[in-house]
Amino acid sequence: MSEPTTPALPVTFRPGRTRAVLLTVGIAMFATVTVVAMMLERLGPGERASFVFTAALFLGVLVLLSRPKVVADDEGVTVVNITRTRRLAWAEILRVNLRSGDPWVFLDLSDGTSLPVLGIQPGIAREAAVRDARALRALAESRGTGTEGT
């Protein structure tokens, strides 16, 4: 197995296929529900509006689910999960973990906690997630106090 290469900074990691599927399904669903609501002659304006509002809520949830990413730059890492964003200095990251069966990468931090990183997830594109996790691990090891993960 070859040594992982350290990518040039800044670099952004995100689950591209998952994001594409979520946004495509959300937009298609919103358009379909809106068209159906407008075509149903028995519905009044309030009922049509409730159909469109419900479809917009569903689209909003899918947009939130497509939000996760990891941005690495010279100063550290910004982890953007579904509803929270956290900025970490390189020295705060002790280990980058993506073990078999994990739904996403976990960062072991210097304060003794572990931070889930939903921006690197092996769901649809396992090879890309493993490659991204190795690249982030190489960055953490070269820029901070990181140690090799399992």
Protein backbone atom coordinates (compact mmCIF):
# COMPACT_ATOMS: atom_id res chain seq x y z
CA MET A 1 0.00 0.00 0.00
CA SER A 2 1.43 3.40 -0.95
CA GLU A 3 1.97 6.22 1.51
CA PRO A 4 -0.90 8.76 1.38
CA THR A 5 0.00 12.03 -0.27
CA THR A 6 -0.58 15.27 1.56
CA PRO A 7 -2.91 17.46 -0.53
CA ALA A 8 -2.21 21.11 -1.20
CA LEU A 9 -4.01 23.49 1.12
CA PRO A 10 -6.69 24.72 1.26
CA VAL A 11 -8.64 21.55 0.51
CA THR A 12 -12.32 20.69 0.98
CA PHE A 13 -13.58 17.18 1.61
CA ARG A 14 -17.28 16.45 1.12
CA PRO A 15 -19.37 13.42 0.17
CA GLY A 16 -20.00 14.46 -3.44
CA ARG A 17 -22.18 11.56 -4.55
CA THR A 18 -24.31 11.66 -1.42
CA ARG A 19 -24.74 15.42 -1.82
CA ALA A 20 -25.72 15.04 -5.48
CA VAL A 21 -28.30 12.35 -4.66
CA LEU A 22 -29.82 14.34 -1.78
CA LEU A 23 -30.11 17.57 -3.75
CA THR A 24 -31.42 15.85 -6.88
CA VAL A 25 -34.07 13.93 -4.94
CA GLY A 26 -35.03 17.06 -3.00
CA ILE A 27 -35.45 19.23 -6.07
CA ALA A 28 -37.30 16.51 -8.01
CA MET A 29 -39.62 15.86 -5.07
CA PHE A 30 -40.31 19.58 -4.58
CA ALA A 31 -41.08 20.06 -8.28
CA THR A 32 -43.31 16.96 -8.42
CA VAL A 33 -45.34 17.85 -5.33
CA THR A 34 -45.73 21.45 -6.51
CA VAL A 35 -46.92 20.38 -9.98
CA VAL A 36 -49.34 17.81 -8.52
CA ALA A 37 -50.70 20.39 -6.05
CA MET A 38 -51.34 22.85 -8.88
CA MET A 39 -52.98 20.21 -11.09
CA LEU A 40 -55.48 18.96 -8.50
CA GLU A 41 -58.58 21.01 -9.21
CA ARG A 42 -60.33 20.08 -5.95
CA LEU A 43 -57.66 21.74 -3.81
CA GLY A 44 -58.19 25.25 -2.57
CA PRO A 45 -55.40 27.84 -2.37
CA GLY A 46 -54.65 27.02 1.28
CA GLU A 47 -54.38 23.31 0.59
CA ARG A 48 -52.11 23.94 -2.38
CA ALA A 49 -49.95 26.19 -0.26
CA SER A 50 -49.71 23.50 2.43
CA PHE A 51 -48.55 20.95 -0.18
CA VAL A 52 -45.88 23.34 -1.44
CA PHE A 53 -44.86 24.29 2.11
CA THR A 54 -44.49 20.63 3.10
CA ALA A 55 -42.40 19.93 -0.01
CA ALA A 56 -40.23 22.99 0.81
CA LEU A 57 -39.69 21.69 4.36
CA PHE A 58 -38.64 18.30 3.01
CA LEU A 59 -36.27 19.99 0.54
CA GLY A 60 -34.85 22.06 3.41
CA VAL A 61 -34.11 18.92 5.42
CA LEU A 62 -32.34 17.34 2.45
CA VAL A 63 -30.30 20.53 1.91
CA LEU A 64 -29.24 20.39 5.59
CA LEU A 65 -28.26 16.73 5.17
CA SER A 66 -26.13 17.67 2.15
CA ARG A 67 -24.28 20.41 4.08
CA PRO A 68 -21.43 18.45 5.76
CA LYS A 69 -17.88 19.15 4.65
CA VAL A 70 -14.37 19.50 6.02
CA VAL A 71 -12.19 22.44 5.01
CA ALA A 72 -8.48 22.16 5.82
CA ASP A 73 -6.19 25.17 5.54
CA ASP A 74 -2.84 26.29 6.93
CA GLU A 75 -4.26 27.19 10.36
CA GLY A 76 -6.45 24.14 10.95
CA VAL A 77 -9.68 22.40 10.05
CA THR A 78 -13.26 23.60 9.86
CA VAL A 79 -15.75 20.77 10.38
CA VAL A 80 -19.22 21.57 9.04
CA ASN A 81 -21.78 19.00 10.15
CA ILE A 82 -25.55 19.14 9.67
CA THR A 83 -26.33 22.03 12.02
CA ARG A 84 -22.99 22.87 13.67
CA THR A 85 -19.65 24.20 12.54
CA ARG A 86 -16.48 23.80 14.57
CA ARG A 87 -13.05 25.28 13.93
CA LEU A 88 -10.03 23.27 15.13
CA ALA A 89 -6.33 24.12 15.17
CA TRP A 90 -4.09 21.37 13.83
CA ALA A 91 -2.61 20.82 17.30
CA GLU A 92 -6.07 19.92 18.66
CA ILE A 93 -6.36 16.87 16.36
CA LEU A 94 -4.64 13.83 17.85
CA ARG A 95 -5.97 11.14 15.51
CA VAL A 96 -8.13 10.75 12.40
CA ASN A 97 -10.15 7.52 12.53
CA LEU A 98 -12.19 5.72 9.91
CA ARG A 99 -12.58 2.15 11.11
CA SER A 100 -14.45 -0.58 9.30
CA GLY A 101 -18.17 -0.10 9.89
CA ASP A 102 -17.90 3.55 10.96
CA PRO A 103 -20.56 5.76 9.31
CA TRP A 104 -18.06 8.65 9.02
CA VAL A 105 -14.65 9.82 10.20
CA PHE A 106 -14.06 10.62 13.86
CA LEU A 107 -11.41 13.03 15.13
CA ASP A 108 -9.84 12.29 18.52
CA LEU A 109 -9.18 15.68 20.06
CA SER A 110 -6.67 16.91 22.62
CA ASP A 111 -9.45 17.72 25.12
CA GLY A 112 -10.30 14.01 25.35
CA THR A 113 -13.41 14.14 23.17
CA SER A 114 -14.16 12.70 19.77
CA LEU A 115 -15.73 14.78 17.00
CA PRO A 116 -17.76 13.14 14.20
CA VAL A 117 -16.84 14.46 10.76
CA LEU A 118 -19.83 13.86 8.50
CA GLY A 119 -17.99 15.42 5.55
CA ILE A 120 -16.08 12.17 5.04
CA GLN A 121 -18.49 9.24 4.97
CA PRO A 122 -18.12 5.91 3.21
CA GLY A 123 -21.83 5.45 2.45
CA ILE A 124 -22.07 5.63 -1.35
CA ALA A 125 -18.39 6.18 -2.24
CA ARG A 126 -16.25 4.09 0.12
CA GLU A 127 -13.02 4.41 -1.88
CA ALA A 128 -13.27 8.22 -1.95
CA ALA A 129 -13.97 8.32 1.79
CA VAL A 130 -10.95 6.13 2.58
CA ARG A 131 -8.77 8.28 0.31
CA ASP A 132 -10.05 11.50 1.94
CA ALA A 133 -9.59 10.09 5.46
CA ARG A 134 -6.00 9.13 4.64
CA ALA A 135 -5.32 12.58 3.21
CA LEU A 136 -6.78 14.29 6.29
CA ARG A 137 -4.75 11.94 8.53
CA ALA A 138 -1.57 12.80 6.60
CA LEU A 139 -2.32 16.51 7.00
CA ALA A 140 -2.98 16.13 10.73
CA GLU A 141 0.24 14.16 11.20
CA SER A 142 2.36 16.63 9.22
CA ARG A 143 0.85 19.84 10.62
CA GLY A 144 -0.11 19.02 14.18
CA THR A 145 0.56 16.60 16.96
CA GLY A 146 -1.50 13.88 15.29
CA THR A 147 -0.64 10.23 15.62
CA GLU A 148 -1.47 7.47 13.21
CA GLY A 149 -5.06 6.23 13.49
CA THR A 150 -6.24 2.65 13.33
